[in-house]
C-alpha cells in the first residue's frame, strides 16, 4: 500500500494560468528488502540503534556479501564491520546489544572481541573492542540499563571465579561484575525496564529466595512476583504506555488464559485476542500503537500468520506474508520496524535473515484550511482553493469548501485568509 498525496491541476481562473498536477508517494505497510539483499549468512538475534546507525548481531560471518564477524553496522546503504578485519566483531554468537555510557555493549557466547580476550561480554567505543572485567563463564543472554547501572543476565554462574547466579551488575569503579543478591535458579532470557522497575523473564521459579514463576520485578532493593507469573517460559518483553507486553511459551499468565503473549497493566494480565495457538513468541516490539511479535508460531488470532505478526489493539495482522523461518529479534530504527532471525523471505520478498517493515502511520488531522497538509496555510493552499472555485460535484465534497455549503467561493476564501500562517 502507498499513501499518496495528490495536488490536482490548478487554474488561476481570472488569468487562465494552470499548474500541472503533481503527486508524491511513500510506500508503506511493505517489507523493504534492501538491508537483507544479500543480507546475513546466519541468524540475527539482536538489533539496536547506535550513533544513528542500525546495529545487527547474531551468528553470521558475512553481511551484505562482505566478511563480517557476527556484528555489523548498517549506514542506510551498506553493511560495515565493527573493528578492523580480520579481527572485527566477536568470535562467537551474540545474543543482545545495548548502548551504555556512549559505547556499544555486546553479550553472547564469544570469548574474544576485536582480537582481544573478552568472555561473553565486550564493549566497542567506535574504534576498539575491550573486555569488561573477567566477563562470565557461560553465555550472557540479556543486557539492560537500570538506574544508571548496566545489568547482565544469562546462563552464567560466576565472573572471575566469583559466584553470581545468572544476574550481575557492572561496577565501573572496580571494572568488575558484582552479584545481584543470591541470583536466579535458572537462566534469564528476557529483561526490560518498565515503570521504574527492572523486569526479568525466563524459566526460573525463584529469584533471591522469592517464588516468582518465570517473571520477576526488582525496584533496586526488593524482588517481587508479577501476579502469579506464567505457566511456561518467558522469552521477551516490551514496555509501553498501556503496560508491559510479555511473550514466550506460556498459555496462562496470572491464571488467565493467554496464548504466548499477554499484557500486564500493573494489576492483572490480559490476553491479546486468542494470541498464538501454537509454538513460541521470541520477540516483541511496541511501535506506533501496534505490538509486533516474532517467533516460531504459525497462527495468530486464529489466522495463518506464520512467525511474525502485529496487533492493532483489536486483531492480529500479517506483515505482508509468512516469514520462512524463525524470527528472533524485533526493533525500531528510523521510524521502521527491524526484523531479524533465520528466515530468507517474508511473503514474496526475498530478504536474508534481516528485513525492514515500513509501516503506515495514521496521519495527524490537518486544520481545515491547510488543504495540502504541509503544516502551513499559505499560497499552496490558496491555489488549491482557487482551482476548485465554484460548485462542488453533486453529492460530493471538494477541496476548498471550508464551510461545507457545497460551493467554493468568497466565504471559503475568507476562512482560508483568516488562518493564513
Protein backbone atom coordinates (compact mmCIF):
# COMPACT_ATOMS: atom_id res chain seq x y z
CA UNK A 1 0.00 0.00 0.00
CA UNK A 2 1.20 3.54 -0.67
CA UNK A 3 -0.02 6.69 0.95
CA UNK A 4 -0.21 9.25 -1.91
CA UNK A 5 -0.85 12.96 -1.69
CA UNK A 6 -2.07 14.50 -4.94
CA UNK A 7 -2.41 18.14 -5.92
CA UNK A 8 -4.74 18.42 -8.86
CA UNK A 9 -4.06 20.64 -11.87
CA UNK A 10 -4.86 24.14 -10.63
CA UNK A 11 -6.01 27.09 -12.70
CA UNK A 12 -5.83 30.70 -11.65
CA UNK A 13 -9.26 31.41 -13.03
CA UNK A 14 -9.08 35.13 -13.82
CA UNK A 15 -5.75 34.81 -15.65
CA UNK A 16 -6.26 31.34 -17.09
CA UNK A 17 -2.90 30.19 -15.68
CA UNK A 18 -2.75 26.48 -14.83
CA UNK A 19 -0.29 24.49 -12.74
CA UNK A 20 0.41 20.86 -13.66
CA UNK A 21 -0.77 18.10 -11.35
CA UNK A 22 1.84 16.72 -9.00
CA UNK A 23 1.94 13.61 -6.86
CA UNK A 24 4.27 12.08 -4.33
CA UNK A 25 4.13 8.57 -2.90
CA UNK A 26 5.83 6.99 0.08
CA UNK A 27 5.49 3.19 0.10
CA UNK A 28 4.29 1.88 3.44
CA UNK A 29 2.96 -1.30 5.03
CA UNK A 30 5.58 -3.12 2.96
CA UNK A 31 8.74 -5.15 3.58
CA UNK A 32 11.85 -3.34 2.33
CA UNK A 33 14.49 -5.97 1.47
CA UNK A 34 17.40 -3.53 0.89
CA UNK A 35 19.36 -4.47 4.01
CA UNK A 36 18.54 -8.17 3.52
CA UNK A 37 19.82 -8.48 -0.04
CA UNK A 38 22.12 -10.37 0.19
CA UNK A 39 21.76 -9.97 3.95
CA UNK A 40 23.44 -12.20 6.53
CA UNK A 41 24.90 -15.69 6.25
CA UNK A 42 23.45 -16.79 9.61
CA UNK A 43 20.86 -15.89 12.20
CA UNK A 44 20.28 -12.38 13.53
CA UNK A 45 19.49 -12.38 17.27
CA UNK A 46 19.71 -8.71 18.28
CA UNK A 47 19.24 -5.25 16.76
CA UNK A 48 19.69 -1.74 18.16
CA UNK A 49 20.49 1.82 17.08
CA UNK A 50 23.85 3.38 17.92
CA UNK A 51 25.08 6.80 16.81
CA UNK A 52 22.23 6.95 14.30
CA UNK A 53 23.08 3.66 12.57
CA UNK A 54 21.42 0.27 12.83
CA UNK A 55 23.50 -2.44 14.51
CA UNK A 56 22.61 -6.11 13.93
CA UNK A 57 24.24 -9.08 15.61
CA UNK A 58 23.91 -12.84 15.80
CA UNK A 59 25.80 -15.80 14.43
CA UNK A 60 26.72 -14.73 10.88
CA UNK A 61 30.14 -14.39 9.27
CA UNK A 62 29.09 -12.27 6.32
CA UNK A 63 26.73 -9.33 5.87
CA UNK A 64 25.85 -7.72 2.56
CA UNK A 65 28.29 -10.05 0.84
CA UNK A 66 31.23 -8.84 2.97
CA UNK A 67 33.11 -10.87 5.58
CA UNK A 68 31.80 -9.52 8.89
CA UNK A 69 32.03 -11.40 12.17
CA UNK A 70 28.67 -11.61 13.92
CA UNK A 71 28.05 -7.90 14.41
CA UNK A 72 27.52 -5.30 11.68
CA UNK A 73 26.60 -1.65 11.16
CA UNK A 74 24.10 -0.50 8.50
CA UNK A 75 24.54 3.11 7.33
CA UNK A 76 21.44 3.12 5.14
CA UNK A 77 23.16 1.63 2.12
CA UNK A 78 25.88 -0.82 3.16
CA UNK A 79 26.86 -3.17 5.98
CA UNK A 80 30.17 -2.44 7.73
CA UNK A 81 32.25 -4.38 10.29
CA UNK A 82 32.85 -3.09 13.81
CA UNK A 83 36.61 -3.03 14.01
CA UNK A 84 39.37 -3.85 11.53
CA UNK A 85 39.37 -7.14 9.61
CA UNK A 86 40.24 -9.87 10.26
CA UNK A 87 39.75 -9.09 13.95
CA UNK A 88 36.45 -7.26 13.59
CA UNK A 89 33.45 -8.31 15.62
CA UNK A 90 33.44 -11.23 18.02
CA UNK A 91 34.43 -14.91 18.00
CA UNK A 92 31.03 -16.44 18.81
CA UNK A 93 27.33 -15.77 18.73
CA UNK A 94 25.84 -12.50 20.03
CA UNK A 95 22.56 -12.59 21.94
CA UNK A 96 21.98 -8.97 22.94
CA UNK A 97 23.14 -5.39 22.34
CA UNK A 98 22.74 -2.18 24.32
CA UNK A 99 24.23 1.32 24.42
CA UNK A 100 25.87 2.22 27.74
CA UNK A 101 27.88 5.37 28.50
CA UNK A 102 28.04 6.05 24.76
CA UNK A 103 29.63 2.70 23.93
CA UNK A 104 28.05 -0.33 22.30
CA UNK A 105 27.91 -3.38 24.59
CA UNK A 106 27.51 -6.90 23.20
CA UNK A 107 26.64 -10.07 25.13
CA UNK A 108 26.62 -13.66 23.97
CA UNK A 109 28.75 -16.79 23.84
CA UNK A 110 32.04 -15.43 22.49
CA UNK A 111 35.50 -15.44 24.09
CA UNK A 112 37.17 -12.65 22.12
CA UNK A 113 36.19 -9.31 20.57
CA UNK A 114 38.33 -7.41 18.08
CA UNK A 115 41.10 -9.93 18.68
CA UNK A 116 41.09 -9.17 22.44
CA UNK A 117 40.12 -11.77 25.04
CA UNK A 118 36.59 -10.98 26.23
CA UNK A 119 34.42 -13.57 27.92
CA UNK A 120 30.78 -13.35 26.78
CA UNK A 121 30.53 -9.55 27.14
CA UNK A 122 32.51 -6.74 25.47
CA UNK A 123 32.32 -3.04 24.65
CA UNK A 124 33.08 -1.13 21.45
CA UNK A 125 33.91 2.60 21.58
CA UNK A 126 33.71 3.21 17.84
CA UNK A 127 37.31 2.25 17.16
CA UNK A 128 38.33 -0.56 19.51
CA UNK A 129 36.85 -3.52 21.35
CA UNK A 130 37.69 -4.14 25.01
CA UNK A 131 36.84 -6.69 27.67
CA UNK A 132 34.57 -5.89 30.60
CA UNK A 133 36.40 -7.28 33.58
CA UNK A 134 36.61 -11.06 33.64
CA UNK A 135 33.31 -11.47 31.82
CA UNK A 136 31.36 -14.66 32.52
CA UNK A 137 31.90 -18.41 32.50
CA UNK A 138 28.82 -19.16 30.39
CA UNK A 139 26.53 -17.33 27.96
CA UNK A 140 25.23 -13.84 28.75
CA UNK A 141 21.85 -13.50 27.05
CA UNK A 142 20.49 -10.13 28.19
CA UNK A 143 21.65 -6.58 28.86
CA UNK A 144 19.74 -3.66 30.35
CA UNK A 145 20.49 -0.26 31.89
CA UNK A 146 18.63 0.26 35.17
CA UNK A 147 19.06 3.25 37.50
CA UNK A 148 22.24 4.10 35.58
CA UNK A 149 23.75 0.64 36.09
CA UNK A 150 24.50 -1.94 33.41
CA UNK A 151 22.77 -5.23 34.27
CA UNK A 152 23.53 -8.59 32.64
CA UNK A 153 21.50 -11.79 32.76
CA UNK A 154 22.02 -15.22 31.29
CA UNK A 155 23.22 -18.76 31.91
CA UNK A 156 26.48 -17.80 33.70
CA UNK A 157 27.19 -18.71 37.31
CA UNK A 158 30.41 -16.78 38.01
CA UNK A 159 32.71 -13.97 36.89
CA UNK A 160 36.42 -14.38 37.51
CA UNK A 161 35.70 -17.18 39.96
CA UNK A 162 33.21 -15.09 41.98
CA UNK A 163 29.76 -16.68 42.22
CA UNK A 164 26.91 -14.77 40.63
CA UNK A 165 23.89 -16.81 39.70
CA UNK A 166 22.73 -15.67 36.26
CA UNK A 167 22.36 -11.99 37.19
CA UNK A 168 25.08 -9.36 37.62
CA UNK A 169 25.75 -5.62 37.81
CA UNK A 170 28.77 -3.85 36.31
CA UNK A 171 30.87 -1.81 38.75
CA UNK A 172 32.80 0.83 36.75
CA UNK A 173 34.90 1.81 39.77
CA UNK A 174 36.42 -1.66 40.09
CA UNK A 175 35.94 -2.68 36.43
CA UNK A 176 34.28 -5.86 37.62
CA UNK A 177 30.94 -7.61 37.75
CA UNK A 178 29.07 -7.97 41.04
CA UNK A 179 26.35 -10.42 42.03
CA UNK A 180 22.80 -9.16 42.50
CA UNK A 181 21.61 -10.74 45.73
CA UNK A 182 21.58 -14.56 45.59
CA UNK A 183 20.59 -14.61 41.93
CA UNK A 184 18.20 -16.78 39.94
CA UNK A 185 17.68 -20.55 39.97
CA UNK A 186 17.51 -20.92 36.13
CA UNK A 187 18.66 -18.87 33.11
CA UNK A 188 17.46 -15.33 32.46
CA UNK A 189 16.36 -14.94 28.83
CA UNK A 190 14.41 -11.65 28.85
CA UNK A 191 14.93 -8.30 30.55
CA UNK A 192 13.50 -4.78 30.31
CA UNK A 193 12.78 -1.67 32.35
CA UNK A 194 9.14 -0.70 32.84
CA UNK A 195 7.52 1.88 35.07
CA UNK A 196 10.71 2.42 37.07
CA UNK A 197 11.33 -1.27 37.76
CA UNK A 198 13.57 -3.93 36.24
CA UNK A 199 11.68 -6.98 34.94
CA UNK A 200 13.36 -10.30 34.15
CA UNK A 201 11.88 -13.37 32.48
CA UNK A 202 12.87 -16.96 31.78
CA UNK A 203 12.05 -20.43 33.02
CA UNK A 204 13.12 -19.80 36.63
CA UNK A 205 10.97 -20.24 39.70
CA UNK A 206 12.92 -18.36 42.37
CA UNK A 207 14.80 -15.03 42.47
CA UNK A 208 16.75 -14.17 45.64
CA UNK A 209 14.63 -16.64 47.58
CA UNK A 210 11.30 -15.25 46.34
CA UNK A 211 8.96 -17.54 44.35
CA UNK A 212 8.09 -15.70 41.14
CA UNK A 213 7.16 -18.24 38.42
CA UNK A 214 9.17 -17.15 35.39
CA UNK A 215 8.62 -13.38 35.67
CA UNK A 216 10.02 -11.09 38.36
CA UNK A 217 10.23 -7.40 39.21
CA UNK A 218 13.03 -5.53 41.00
CA UNK A 219 12.76 -1.99 42.37
CA UNK A 220 16.50 -1.79 43.02
CA UNK A 221 16.16 -3.21 46.52
CA UNK A 222 13.48 -5.90 46.64
CA UNK A 223 12.42 -8.66 44.26
CA UNK A 224 8.72 -9.49 43.87
CA UNK A 225 6.44 -11.68 41.78
CA UNK A 226 4.36 -10.24 38.93
CA UNK A 227 0.88 -11.54 39.68
CA UNK A 228 1.12 -15.30 39.92
CA UNK A 229 3.52 -15.48 36.98
CA UNK A 230 3.36 -17.77 33.95
CA UNK A 231 2.91 -21.49 33.43
CA UNK A 232 5.80 -21.72 30.95
CA UNK A 233 8.88 -19.84 29.81
CA UNK A 234 9.05 -16.07 29.20
CA UNK A 235 11.23 -15.14 26.21
CA UNK A 236 10.62 -11.45 25.57
CA UNK A 237 9.15 -8.23 26.96
CA UNK A 238 8.36 -4.73 25.73
CA UNK A 239 7.40 -1.67 27.74
CA UNK A 240 4.54 0.56 26.55
CA UNK A 241 2.29 3.28 27.95
CA UNK A 242 -0.53 0.80 28.45
CA UNK A 243 1.62 -1.71 30.30
CA UNK A 244 4.23 -4.44 29.91
CA UNK A 245 3.89 -6.86 26.99
CA UNK A 246 5.24 -10.35 27.73
CA UNK A 247 5.85 -13.16 25.22
CA UNK A 248 7.00 -16.74 25.46
CA UNK A 249 5.82 -20.36 25.51
CA UNK A 250 3.13 -19.93 28.20
CA UNK A 251 -0.61 -20.48 27.83
CA UNK A 252 -1.57 -18.85 31.12
CA UNK A 253 -0.49 -15.52 32.61
CA UNK A 254 -1.53 -14.76 36.17
CA UNK A 255 -4.05 -17.59 35.98
CA UNK A 256 -5.68 -16.06 32.89
CA UNK A 257 -5.73 -17.91 29.56
CA UNK A 258 -3.22 -16.09 27.35
CA UNK A 259 -1.57 -17.91 24.46
CA UNK A 260 2.12 -16.99 24.25
CA UNK A 261 1.56 -13.23 24.66
CA UNK A 262 -0.07 -11.06 27.34
CA UNK A 263 -0.29 -7.52 28.67
CA UNK A 264 0.43 -6.71 32.32
CA UNK A 265 -1.35 -3.43 33.22
CA UNK A 266 0.16 -3.18 36.70
CA UNK A 267 -2.62 -5.13 38.38
CA UNK A 268 -3.60 -8.01 36.10
CA UNK A 269 -2.71 -9.85 32.89
CA UNK A 270 -4.81 -9.57 29.74
CA UNK A 271 -4.68 -11.72 26.58
CA UNK A 272 -4.22 -10.21 23.14
CA UNK A 273 -7.15 -11.85 21.41
CA UNK A 274 -6.59 -15.58 21.21
CA UNK A 275 -2.86 -14.97 20.82
CA UNK A 276 -0.69 -17.61 19.17
CA UNK A 277 -2.25 -21.05 19.36
CA UNK A 278 0.97 -22.96 18.70
CA UNK A 279 4.72 -22.72 19.28
CA UNK A 280 6.55 -19.74 20.76
CA UNK A 281 6.98 -15.96 20.80
CA UNK A 282 10.67 -14.98 20.89
CA UNK A 283 10.49 -11.23 20.29
CA UNK A 284 8.14 -8.30 20.97
CA UNK A 285 8.34 -4.66 19.90
CA UNK A 286 5.81 -1.88 20.51
CA UNK A 287 5.84 0.77 17.79
CA UNK A 288 3.36 3.38 16.63
CA UNK A 289 0.44 1.95 18.65
CA UNK A 290 1.00 -1.56 17.25
CA UNK A 291 2.54 -4.55 19.02
CA UNK A 292 4.81 -6.70 16.85
CA UNK A 293 5.57 -10.31 17.73
CA UNK A 294 8.02 -12.77 16.20
CA UNK A 295 8.86 -16.39 16.86
CA UNK A 296 8.07 -19.90 15.65
CA UNK A 297 4.26 -19.65 15.79
CA UNK A 298 2.26 -20.27 12.62
CA UNK A 299 -1.08 -18.82 13.71
CA UNK A 300 -2.01 -15.51 15.34
CA UNK A 301 -5.55 -14.58 16.30
CA UNK A 302 -6.79 -17.86 14.82
CA UNK A 303 -5.41 -16.97 11.39
CA UNK A 304 -2.49 -18.35 9.42
CA UNK A 305 0.14 -15.68 10.12
CA UNK A 306 3.46 -17.52 10.37
CA UNK A 307 6.28 -16.28 12.61
CA UNK A 308 5.75 -12.50 12.51
CA UNK A 309 2.54 -10.58 13.21
CA UNK A 310 1.24 -7.25 14.52
CA UNK A 311 -1.58 -6.43 16.94
CA UNK A 312 -3.55 -3.22 16.28
CA UNK A 313 -5.46 -3.30 19.55
CA UNK A 314 -8.31 -5.41 18.18
CA UNK A 315 -6.87 -8.04 15.85
CA UNK A 316 -3.69 -9.72 14.65
CA UNK A 317 -2.48 -8.73 11.17
CA UNK A 318 0.13 -10.04 8.75
CA UNK A 319 3.24 -8.17 7.69
CA UNK A 320 2.75 -8.99 4.04
CA UNK A 321 3.04 -12.76 4.40
CA UNK A 322 4.82 -15.57 6.20
CA UNK A 323 8.39 -15.39 7.46
CA UNK A 324 10.02 -18.51 6.04
CA UNK A 325 11.72 -19.41 9.34
CA UNK A 326 12.12 -18.26 12.95
CA UNK A 327 12.01 -14.57 13.91
CA UNK A 328 14.32 -13.93 16.89
CA UNK A 329 14.63 -10.15 17.03
CA UNK A 330 12.47 -7.06 16.59
CA UNK A 331 13.49 -3.44 16.98
CA UNK A 332 12.85 0.10 15.85
CA UNK A 333 15.11 2.16 13.60
CA UNK A 334 14.47 5.32 11.59
CA UNK A 335 10.67 5.08 12.03
CA UNK A 336 10.59 1.48 10.78
CA UNK A 337 10.43 -1.95 12.41
CA UNK A 338 13.52 -4.16 12.02
CA UNK A 339 13.01 -7.93 11.88
CA UNK A 340 15.84 -10.38 12.46
CA UNK A 341 16.05 -14.17 12.53
CA UNK A 342 16.71 -17.25 10.42
CA UNK A 343 14.25 -16.51 7.59
CA UNK A 344 15.23 -15.94 3.97
CA UNK A 345 11.93 -14.40 2.87
CA UNK A 346 8.84 -12.66 4.21
CA UNK A 347 5.82 -13.11 1.99
CA UNK A 348 7.03 -12.84 -1.59
CA UNK A 349 10.03 -10.69 -0.66
CA UNK A 350 13.46 -12.34 -0.53
CA UNK A 351 15.37 -10.92 2.42
CA UNK A 352 18.06 -12.92 4.17
CA UNK A 353 17.83 -13.01 7.98
CA UNK A 354 17.03 -9.30 8.30
CA UNK A 355 14.26 -7.10 6.95
CA UNK A 356 12.73 -3.67 7.37
CA UNK A 357 8.97 -3.15 7.75
CA UNK A 358 7.86 0.32 6.71
CA UNK A 359 4.51 0.84 8.49
CA UNK A 360 1.81 3.28 7.52
CA UNK A 361 1.12 5.74 10.31
CA UNK A 362 -2.28 7.28 10.85
CA UNK A 363 -1.89 10.85 9.60
CA UNK A 364 -2.33 13.67 12.08
CA UNK A 365 -5.53 15.57 11.21
CA UNK A 366 -4.75 18.86 9.47
CA UNK A 367 -6.50 22.19 10.09
CA UNK A 368 -9.30 22.59 7.52
CA UNK A 369 -7.58 25.45 5.71
CA UNK A 370 -4.27 23.54 5.41
CA UNK A 371 -5.50 21.87 2.24
CA UNK A 372 -2.21 20.16 1.33
CA UNK A 373 -1.47 19.20 4.96
CA UNK A 374 2.04 20.64 4.96
CA UNK A 375 1.72 22.39 8.32
CA UNK A 376 1.14 25.89 6.91
CA UNK A 377 -1.76 27.81 5.37
CA UNK A 378 -0.15 29.65 2.50
CA UNK A 379 -0.08 30.21 -1.27
CA UNK A 380 -0.18 26.48 -1.99
CA UNK A 381 -3.49 26.15 -0.16
CA UNK A 382 -4.82 29.29 -1.87
CA UNK A 383 -4.06 27.75 -5.27
CA UNK A 384 -5.90 24.55 -4.31
CA UNK A 385 -8.92 26.58 -3.22
CA UNK A 386 -8.94 28.68 -6.40
CA UNK A 387 -8.52 25.54 -8.50
CA UNK A 388 -11.81 24.22 -7.13
CA UNK A 389 -13.70 27.52 -7.37
CA UNK A 390 -17.39 27.11 -7.97
CA UNK A 391 -19.98 24.42 -7.18
CA UNK A 392 -18.81 21.07 -5.86
CA UNK A 393 -19.81 17.94 -7.85
CA UNK A 394 -23.30 16.77 -6.94
CA UNK A 395 -23.42 14.95 -3.58
CA UNK A 396 -19.65 15.20 -3.17
CA UNK A 397 -17.39 17.32 -1.04
CA UNK A 398 -14.50 19.14 -2.66
CA UNK A 399 -11.20 20.64 -1.58
CA UNK A 400 -11.62 24.26 -0.62
CA UNK A 401 -15.24 24.03 0.54
CA UNK A 402 -14.27 25.05 4.05
CA UNK A 403 -17.75 25.89 5.29
CA UNK A 404 -19.36 22.79 3.80
CA UNK A 405 -22.03 24.62 1.81
CA UNK A 406 -21.32 22.79 -1.45
CA UNK A 407 -19.64 25.79 -3.03
CA UNK A 408 -16.06 27.09 -3.09
CA UNK A 409 -16.49 30.85 -3.05
CA UNK A 410 -15.62 34.09 -1.27
CA UNK A 411 -16.81 32.72 2.09
CA UNK A 412 -14.24 29.91 1.92
CA UNK A 413 -11.57 32.32 0.73
CA UNK A 414 -12.14 34.50 3.79
CA UNK A 415 -11.85 31.47 6.09
CA UNK A 416 -8.55 30.49 4.49
CA UNK A 417 -7.17 34.02 4.75
CA UNK A 418 -8.17 34.18 8.44
CA UNK A 419 -5.96 31.11 9.11
CA UNK A 420 -3.04 32.31 6.98
CA UNK A 421 0.35 31.41 8.50
